[in-house]
Amino acid sequence: MNISIPDPLKSCVEERVAGGEFGTPAEYVRDLIRQDREKRLERLEASLLQAMESKSFEVTPEELSQRSLVAILREKLAR
């Protein structure tokens, strides 16, 4: 996979690599992706825990056949 980024972002990546935090630009990008995935999972877990504590939370089979559990959960928690 090849990714193009603007020069200012490229400079930022090169600085992080030159600073010794990462061996290559690819390592830095992989780390950013891992961090993003972890944050998303943490938010999802928090939403699930909140839903489990709610006495009014219900998901019907019909809802699940139309949308993902995550989408349903987000909608119900937004109410």
PDB file of N, CA and C in Angstrom:
ATOM      1  N   MET A   1       0.842  -1.167   0.000  1.00  0.00           N
ATOM      2  CA  MET A   1       0.000   0.000   0.000  1.00  0.00           C
ATOM      3  C   MET A   1       0.894   1.239   0.000  1.00  0.00           C
ATOM      4  N   ASN A   2       0.580   2.142  -0.874  1.00  0.00           N
ATOM      5  CA  ASN A   2       1.299   3.419  -0.922  1.00  0.00           C
ATOM      6  C   ASN A   2       0.342   4.514  -0.483  1.00  0.00           C
ATOM      7  N   ILE A   3       0.828   5.391   0.358  1.00  0.00           N
ATOM      8  CA  ILE A   3       0.003   6.485   0.855  1.00  0.00           C
ATOM      9  C   ILE A   3       0.729   7.793   0.585  1.00  0.00           C
ATOM     10  N   SER A   4       0.009   8.737   0.006  1.00  0.00           N
ATOM     11  CA  SER A   4       0.574  10.067  -0.233  1.00  0.00           C
ATOM     12  C   SER A   4       0.100  10.993   0.870  1.00  0.00           C
ATOM     13  N   ILE A   5       1.032  11.782   1.407  1.00  0.00           N
ATOM     14  CA  ILE A   5       0.660  12.759   2.420  1.00  0.00           C
ATOM     15  C   ILE A   5       1.302  14.087   2.065  1.00  0.00           C
ATOM     16  N   PRO A   6       0.693  15.187   2.504  1.00  0.00           N
ATOM     17  CA  PRO A   6       1.271  16.502   2.209  1.00  0.00           C
ATOM     18  C   PRO A   6       2.640  16.663   2.881  1.00  0.00           C
ATOM     19  N   ASP A   7       3.443  17.540   2.344  1.00  0.00           N
ATOM     20  CA  ASP A   7       4.806  17.752   2.852  1.00  0.00           C
ATOM     21  C   ASP A   7       4.878  18.054   4.351  1.00  0.00           C
ATOM     22  N   PRO A   8       3.988  18.892   4.897  1.00  0.00           N
ATOM     23  CA  PRO A   8       4.088  19.151   6.334  1.00  0.00           C
ATOM     24  C   PRO A   8       3.905  17.879   7.183  1.00  0.00           C
ATOM     25  N   LEU A   9       2.998  17.006   6.768  1.00  0.00           N
ATOM     26  CA  LEU A   9       2.810  15.748   7.495  1.00  0.00           C
ATOM     27  C   LEU A   9       3.994  14.815   7.272  1.00  0.00           C
ATOM     28  N   LYS A  10       4.526  14.826   6.070  1.00  0.00           N
ATOM     29  CA  LYS A  10       5.703  14.004   5.774  1.00  0.00           C
ATOM     30  C   LYS A  10       6.866  14.422   6.662  1.00  0.00           C
ATOM     31  N   SER A  11       7.041  15.726   6.828  1.00  0.00           N
ATOM     32  CA  SER A  11       8.110  16.234   7.697  1.00  0.00           C
ATOM     33  C   SER A  11       7.906  15.776   9.135  1.00  0.00           C
ATOM     34  N   CYS A  12       6.671  15.785   9.578  1.00  0.00           N
ATOM     35  CA  CYS A  12       6.359  15.342  10.940  1.00  0.00           C
ATOM     36  C   CYS A  12       6.742  13.876  11.126  1.00  0.00           C
ATOM     37  N   VAL A  13       6.394  13.049  10.166  1.00  0.00           N
ATOM     38  CA  VAL A  13       6.730  11.619  10.229  1.00  0.00           C
ATOM     39  C   VAL A  13       8.246  11.446  10.226  1.00  0.00           C
ATOM     40  N   GLU A  14       8.916  12.161   9.348  1.00  0.00           N
ATOM     41  CA  GLU A  14      10.375  12.053   9.265  1.00  0.00           C
ATOM     42  C   GLU A  14      11.043  12.491  10.571  1.00  0.00           C
ATOM     43  N   GLU A  15      10.493  13.517  11.222  1.00  0.00           N
ATOM     44  CA  GLU A  15      11.034  13.968  12.510  1.00  0.00           C
ATOM     45  C   GLU A  15      10.894  12.885  13.580  1.00  0.00           C
ATOM     46  N   ARG A  16       9.748  12.206  13.609  1.00  0.00           N
ATOM     47  CA  ARG A  16       9.524  11.152  14.598  1.00  0.00           C
ATOM     48  C   ARG A  16      10.502  10.002  14.372  1.00  0.00           C
ATOM     49  N   VAL A  17      10.729   9.651  13.114  1.00  0.00           N
ATOM     50  CA  VAL A  17      11.672   8.574  12.785  1.00  0.00           C
ATOM     51  C   VAL A  17      13.097   9.015  13.128  1.00  0.00           C
ATOM     52  N   ALA A  18      13.460  10.231  12.747  1.00  0.00           N
ATOM     53  CA  ALA A  18      14.807  10.743  13.030  1.00  0.00           C
ATOM     54  C   ALA A  18      15.051  10.860  14.531  1.00  0.00           C
ATOM     55  N   GLY A  19      14.005  11.114  15.295  1.00  0.00           N
ATOM     56  CA  GLY A  19      14.127  11.228  16.747  1.00  0.00           C
ATOM     57  C   GLY A  19      14.310   9.892  17.439  1.00  0.00           C
ATOM     58  N   GLY A  20      14.245   8.821  16.675  1.00  0.00           N
ATOM     59  CA  GLY A  20      14.485   7.498  17.230  1.00  0.00           C
ATOM     60  C   GLY A  20      13.276   6.821  17.840  1.00  0.00           C
ATOM     61  N   GLU A  21      12.125   7.474  17.773  1.00  0.00           N
ATOM     62  CA  GLU A  21      10.917   6.853  18.334  1.00  0.00           C
ATOM     63  C   GLU A  21      10.442   5.671  17.484  1.00  0.00           C
ATOM     64  N   PHE A  22      10.726   5.746  16.198  1.00  0.00           N
ATOM     65  CA  PHE A  22      10.307   4.702  15.268  1.00  0.00           C
ATOM     66  C   PHE A  22      11.450   4.436  14.301  1.00  0.00           C
ATOM     67  N   GLY A  23      11.558   3.184  13.863  1.00  0.00           N
ATOM     68  CA  GLY A  23      12.626   2.818  12.951  1.00  0.00           C
ATOM     69  C   GLY A  23      12.377   3.246  11.526  1.00  0.00           C
ATOM     70  N   THR A  24      11.106   3.253  11.140  1.00  0.00           N
ATOM     71  CA  THR A  24      10.746   3.603   9.764  1.00  0.00           C
ATOM     72  C   THR A  24       9.413   4.356   9.770  1.00  0.00           C
ATOM     73  N   PRO A  25       9.125   5.062   8.689  1.00  0.00           N
ATOM     74  CA  PRO A  25       7.809   5.704   8.593  1.00  0.00           C
ATOM     75  C   PRO A  25       6.660   4.685   8.697  1.00  0.00           C
ATOM     76  N   ALA A  26       6.861   3.503   8.144  1.00  0.00           N
ATOM     77  CA  ALA A  26       5.816   2.480   8.200  1.00  0.00           C
ATOM     78  C   ALA A  26       5.517   2.069   9.643  1.00  0.00           C
ATOM     79  N   GLU A  27       6.552   1.979  10.472  1.00  0.00           N
ATOM     80  CA  GLU A  27       6.329   1.644  11.887  1.00  0.00           C
ATOM     81  C   GLU A  27       5.485   2.717  12.566  1.00  0.00           C
ATOM     82  N   TYR A  28       5.758   3.962  12.260  1.00  0.00           N
ATOM     83  CA  TYR A  28       4.997   5.072  12.838  1.00  0.00           C
ATOM     84  C   TYR A  28       3.526   5.003  12.419  1.00  0.00           C
ATOM     85  N   VAL A  29       3.286   4.786  11.137  1.00  0.00           N
ATOM     86  CA  VAL A  29       1.915   4.700  10.632  1.00  0.00           C
ATOM     87  C   VAL A  29       1.192   3.503  11.252  1.00  0.00           C
ATOM     88  N   ARG A  30       1.865   2.365  11.353  1.00  0.00           N
ATOM     89  CA  ARG A  30       1.248   1.193  12.000  1.00  0.00           C
ATOM     90  C   ARG A  30       0.877   1.498  13.441  1.00  0.00           C
ATOM     91  N   ASP A  31       1.748   2.217  14.146  1.00  0.00           N
ATOM     92  CA  ASP A  31       1.461   2.578  15.527  1.00  0.00           C
ATOM     93  C   ASP A  31       0.230   3.485  15.611  1.00  0.00           C
ATOM     94  N   LEU A  32       0.128   4.446  14.717  1.00  0.00           N
ATOM     95  CA  LEU A  32      -1.040   5.332  14.697  1.00  0.00           C
ATOM     96  C   LEU A  32      -2.320   4.546  14.443  1.00  0.00           C
ATOM     97  N   ILE A  33      -2.266   3.592  13.539  1.00  0.00           N
ATOM     98  CA  ILE A  33      -3.444   2.777  13.232  1.00  0.00           C
ATOM     99  C   ILE A  33      -3.828   1.934  14.441  1.00  0.00           C
ATOM    100  N   ARG A  34      -2.841   1.343  15.114  1.00  0.00           N
ATOM    101  CA  ARG A  34      -3.116   0.553  16.320  1.00  0.00           C
ATOM    102  C   ARG A  34      -3.768   1.409  17.405  1.00  0.00           C
ATOM    103  N   GLN A  35      -3.235   2.609  17.597  1.00  0.00           N
ATOM    104  CA  GLN A  35      -3.793   3.512  18.606  1.00  0.00           C
ATOM    105  C   GLN A  35      -5.237   3.874  18.273  1.00  0.00           C
ATOM    106  N   ASP A  36      -5.493   4.146  17.002  1.00  0.00           N
ATOM    107  CA  ASP A  36      -6.853   4.479  16.573  1.00  0.00           C
ATOM    108  C   ASP A  36      -7.796   3.310  16.835  1.00  0.00           C
ATOM    109  N   ARG A  37      -7.355   2.109  16.495  1.00  0.00           N
ATOM    110  CA  ARG A  37      -8.185   0.921  16.707  1.00  0.00           C
ATOM    111  C   ARG A  37      -8.471   0.726  18.198  1.00  0.00           C
ATOM    112  N   GLU A  38      -7.461   0.904  19.033  1.00  0.00           N
ATOM    113  CA  GLU A  38      -7.643   0.748  20.473  1.00  0.00           C
ATOM    114  C   GLU A  38      -8.635   1.771  21.022  1.00  0.00           C
ATOM    115  N   LYS A  39      -8.533   3.016  20.581  1.00  0.00           N
ATOM    116  CA  LYS A  39      -9.466   4.052  21.031  1.00  0.00           C
ATOM    117  C   LYS A  39     -10.896   3.726  20.615  1.00  0.00           C
ATOM    118  N   ARG A  40     -11.050   3.244  19.398  1.00  0.00           N
ATOM    119  CA  ARG A  40     -12.397   2.885  18.925  1.00  0.00           C
ATOM    120  C   ARG A  40     -12.974   1.747  19.752  1.00  0.00           C
ATOM    121  N   LEU A  41     -12.146   0.755  20.065  1.00  0.00           N
ATOM    122  CA  LEU A  41     -12.613  -0.365  20.884  1.00  0.00           C
ATOM    123  C   LEU A  41     -12.955   0.084  22.298  1.00  0.00           C
ATOM    124  N   GLU A  42     -12.168   1.002  22.846  1.00  0.00           N
ATOM    125  CA  GLU A  42     -12.455   1.531  24.181  1.00  0.00           C
ATOM    126  C   GLU A  42     -13.786   2.270  24.194  1.00  0.00           C
ATOM    127  N   ARG A  43     -14.055   3.073  23.164  1.00  0.00           N
ATOM    128  CA  ARG A  43     -15.336   3.794  23.094  1.00  0.00           C
ATOM    129  C   ARG A  43     -16.492   2.817  22.958  1.00  0.00           C
ATOM    130  N   LEU A  44     -16.299   1.787  22.145  1.00  0.00           N
ATOM    131  CA  LEU A  44     -17.348   0.791  21.976  1.00  0.00           C
ATOM    132  C   LEU A  44     -17.611   0.058  23.285  1.00  0.00           C
ATOM    133  N   GLU A  45     -16.551  -0.325  23.974  1.00  0.00           N
ATOM    134  CA  GLU A  45     -16.715  -1.011  25.258  1.00  0.00           C
ATOM    135  C   GLU A  45     -17.457  -0.122  26.252  1.00  0.00           C
ATOM    136  N   ALA A  46     -17.113   1.147  26.310  1.00  0.00           N
ATOM    137  CA  ALA A  46     -17.794   2.066  27.216  1.00  0.00           C
ATOM    138  C   ALA A  46     -19.275   2.174  26.858  1.00  0.00           C
ATOM    139  N   SER A  47     -19.584   2.220  25.577  1.00  0.00           N
ATOM    140  CA  SER A  47     -20.982   2.287  25.142  1.00  0.00           C
ATOM    141  C   SER A  47     -21.734   1.018  25.515  1.00  0.00           C
ATOM    142  N   LEU A  48     -21.090  -0.123  25.329  1.00  0.00           N
ATOM    143  CA  LEU A  48     -21.734  -1.387  25.681  1.00  0.00           C
ATOM    144  C   LEU A  48     -21.997  -1.468  27.178  1.00  0.00           C
ATOM    145  N   LEU A  49     -21.035  -1.048  27.981  1.00  0.00           N
ATOM    146  CA  LEU A  49     -21.230  -1.064  29.426  1.00  0.00           C
ATOM    147  C   LEU A  49     -22.352  -0.132  29.838  1.00  0.00           C
ATOM    148  N   GLN A  50     -22.411   1.019  29.222  1.00  0.00           N
ATOM    149  CA  GLN A  50     -23.485   1.964  29.520  1.00  0.00           C
ATOM    150  C   GLN A  50     -24.839   1.365  29.152  1.00  0.00           C
ATOM    151  N   ALA A  51     -24.902   0.709  28.019  1.00  0.00           N
ATOM    152  CA  ALA A  51     -26.147   0.092  27.576  1.00  0.00           C
ATOM    153  C   ALA A  51     -26.573  -1.025  28.510  1.00  0.00           C
ATOM    154  N   MET A  52     -25.619  -1.801  28.980  1.00  0.00           N
ATOM    155  CA  MET A  52     -25.943  -2.907  29.882  1.00  0.00           C
ATOM    156  C   MET A  52     -26.503  -2.400  31.208  1.00  0.00           C
ATOM    157  N   GLU A  53     -26.077  -1.218  31.634  1.00  0.00           N
ATOM    158  CA  GLU A  53     -26.556  -0.642  32.879  1.00  0.00           C
ATOM    159  C   GLU A  53     -27.928   0.007  32.722  1.00  0.00           C
ATOM    160  N   SER A  54     -28.327   0.264  31.510  1.00  0.00           N
ATOM    161  CA  SER A  54     -29.610   0.902  31.242  1.00  0.00           C
ATOM    162  C   SER A  54     -30.733  -0.121  31.361  1.00  0.00           C
ATOM    163  N   LYS A  55     -31.774   0.248  32.081  1.00  0.00           N
ATOM    164  CA  LYS A  55     -32.914  -0.666  32.252  1.00  0.00           C
ATOM    165  C   LYS A  55     -33.809  -0.700  31.022  1.00  0.00           C
ATOM    166  N   SER A  56     -33.684   0.292  30.164  1.00  0.00           N
ATOM    167  CA  SER A  56     -34.583   0.379  29.015  1.00  0.00           C
ATOM    168  C   SER A  56     -33.955  -0.097  27.709  1.00  0.00           C
ATOM    169  N   PHE A  57     -32.795  -0.682  27.780  1.00  0.00           N
ATOM    170  CA  PHE A  57     -32.090  -1.073  26.563  1.00  0.00           C
ATOM    171  C   PHE A  57     -32.583  -2.433  26.075  1.00  0.00           C
ATOM    172  N   GLU A  58     -33.078  -2.445  24.850  1.00  0.00           N
ATOM    173  CA  GLU A  58     -33.520  -3.690  24.214  1.00  0.00           C
ATOM    174  C   GLU A  58     -33.147  -3.642  22.745  1.00  0.00           C
ATOM    175  N   VAL A  59     -32.766  -4.808  22.218  1.00  0.00           N
ATOM    176  CA  VAL A  59     -32.494  -4.936  20.787  1.00  0.00           C
ATOM    177  C   VAL A  59     -33.313  -6.104  20.285  1.00  0.00           C
ATOM    178  N   THR A  60     -34.093  -5.839  19.269  1.00  0.00           N
ATOM    179  CA  THR A  60     -34.949  -6.898  18.722  1.00  0.00           C
ATOM    180  C   THR A  60     -34.240  -7.591  17.556  1.00  0.00           C
ATOM    181  N   PRO A  61     -34.640  -8.824  17.276  1.00  0.00           N
ATOM    182  CA  PRO A  61     -34.061  -9.522  16.116  1.00  0.00           C
ATOM    183  C   PRO A  61     -34.280  -8.762  14.813  1.00  0.00           C
ATOM    184  N   GLU A  62     -35.414  -8.075  14.703  1.00  0.00           N
ATOM    185  CA  GLU A  62     -35.700  -7.305  13.495  1.00  0.00           C
ATOM    186  C   GLU A  62     -34.683  -6.177  13.318  1.00  0.00           C
ATOM    187  N   GLU A  63     -34.349  -5.512  14.427  1.00  0.00           N
ATOM    188  CA  GLU A  63     -33.358  -4.445  14.349  1.00  0.00           C
ATOM    189  C   GLU A  63     -32.006  -4.992  13.895  1.00  0.00           C
ATOM    190  N   LEU A  64     -31.632  -6.138  14.446  1.00  0.00           N
ATOM    191  CA  LEU A  64     -30.340  -6.736  14.099  1.00  0.00           C
ATOM    192  C   LEU A  64     -30.289  -7.205  12.647  1.00  0.00           C
ATOM    193  N   SER A  65     -31.434  -7.537  12.099  1.00  0.00           N
ATOM    194  CA  SER A  65     -31.436  -7.983  10.699  1.00  0.00           C
ATOM    195  C   SER A  65     -31.271  -6.812   9.735  1.00  0.00           C
ATOM    196  N   GLN A  66     -31.510  -5.597  10.245  1.00  0.00           N
ATOM    197  CA  GLN A  66     -31.439  -4.423   9.375  1.00  0.00           C
ATOM    198  C   GLN A  66     -30.141  -3.635   9.523  1.00  0.00           C
ATOM    199  N   ARG A  67     -29.547  -3.676  10.731  1.00  0.00           N
ATOM    200  CA  ARG A  67     -28.354  -2.867  10.990  1.00  0.00           C
ATOM    201  C   ARG A  67     -27.418  -3.603  11.929  1.00  0.00           C
ATOM    202  N   SER A  68     -26.222  -3.073  12.053  1.00  0.00           N
ATOM    203  CA  SER A  68     -25.247  -3.680  12.959  1.00  0.00           C
ATOM    204  C   SER A  68     -25.593  -3.343  14.402  1.00  0.00           C
ATOM    205  N   LEU A  69     -25.121  -4.169  15.310  1.00  0.00           N
ATOM    206  CA  LEU A  69     -25.340  -3.934  16.729  1.00  0.00           C
ATOM    207  C   LEU A  69     -24.742  -2.595  17.149  1.00  0.00           C
ATOM    208  N   VAL A  70     -23.600  -2.272  16.619  1.00  0.00           N
ATOM    209  CA  VAL A  70     -22.943  -1.007  16.964  1.00  0.00           C
ATOM    210  C   VAL A  70     -23.819   0.176  16.561  1.00  0.00           C
ATOM    211  N   ALA A  71     -24.381   0.138  15.366  1.00  0.00           N
ATOM    212  CA  ALA A  71     -25.237   1.232  14.896  1.00  0.00           C
ATOM    213  C   ALA A  71     -26.483   1.354  15.770  1.00  0.00           C
ATOM    214  N   ILE A  72     -27.080   0.230  16.105  1.00  0.00           N
ATOM    215  CA  ILE A  72     -28.267   0.237  16.960  1.00  0.00           C
ATOM    216  C   ILE A  72     -27.924   0.796  18.331  1.00  0.00           C
ATOM    217  N   LEU A  73     -26.819   0.331  18.872  1.00  0.00           N
ATOM    218  CA  LEU A  73     -26.383   0.775  20.194  1.00  0.00           C
ATOM    219  C   LEU A  73     -26.163   2.288  20.212  1.00  0.00           C
ATOM    220  N   ARG A  74     -25.477   2.789  19.221  1.00  0.00           N
ATOM    221  CA  ARG A  74     -25.218   4.239  19.175  1.00  0.00           C
ATOM    222  C   ARG A  74     -26.519   5.026  19.117  1.00  0.00           C
ATOM    223  N   GLU A  75     -27.453   4.551  18.314  1.00  0.00           N
ATOM    224  CA  GLU A  75     -28.743   5.252  18.191  1.00  0.00           C
ATOM    225  C   GLU A  75     -29.493   5.240  19.517  1.00  0.00           C
ATOM    226  N   LYS A  76     -29.555   4.099  20.158  1.00  0.00           N
ATOM    227  CA  LYS A  76     -30.306   4.000  21.407  1.00  0.00           C
ATOM    228  C   LYS A  76     -29.655   4.806  22.525  1.00  0.00           C
ATOM    229  N   LEU A  77     -28.354   4.848  22.548  1.00  0.00           N
ATOM    230  CA  LEU A  77     -27.673   5.605  23.592  1.00  0.00           C
ATOM    231  C   LEU A  77     -27.765   7.098  23.357  1.00  0.00           C
ATOM    232  N   ALA A  78     -27.987   7.515  22.128  1.00  0.00           N
ATOM    233  CA  ALA A  78     -28.107   8.934  21.824  1.00  0.00           C
ATOM    234  C   ALA A  78     -29.446   9.494  22.285  1.00  0.00           C
ATOM    235  N   ARG A  79     -30.394   8.609  22.520  1.00  0.00           N
ATOM    236  CA  ARG A  79     -31.741   9.055  22.949  1.00  0.00           C
ATOM    237  C   ARG A  79     -31.732   9.534  24.363  1.00  0.00           C
TER     238      ARG A  79
END
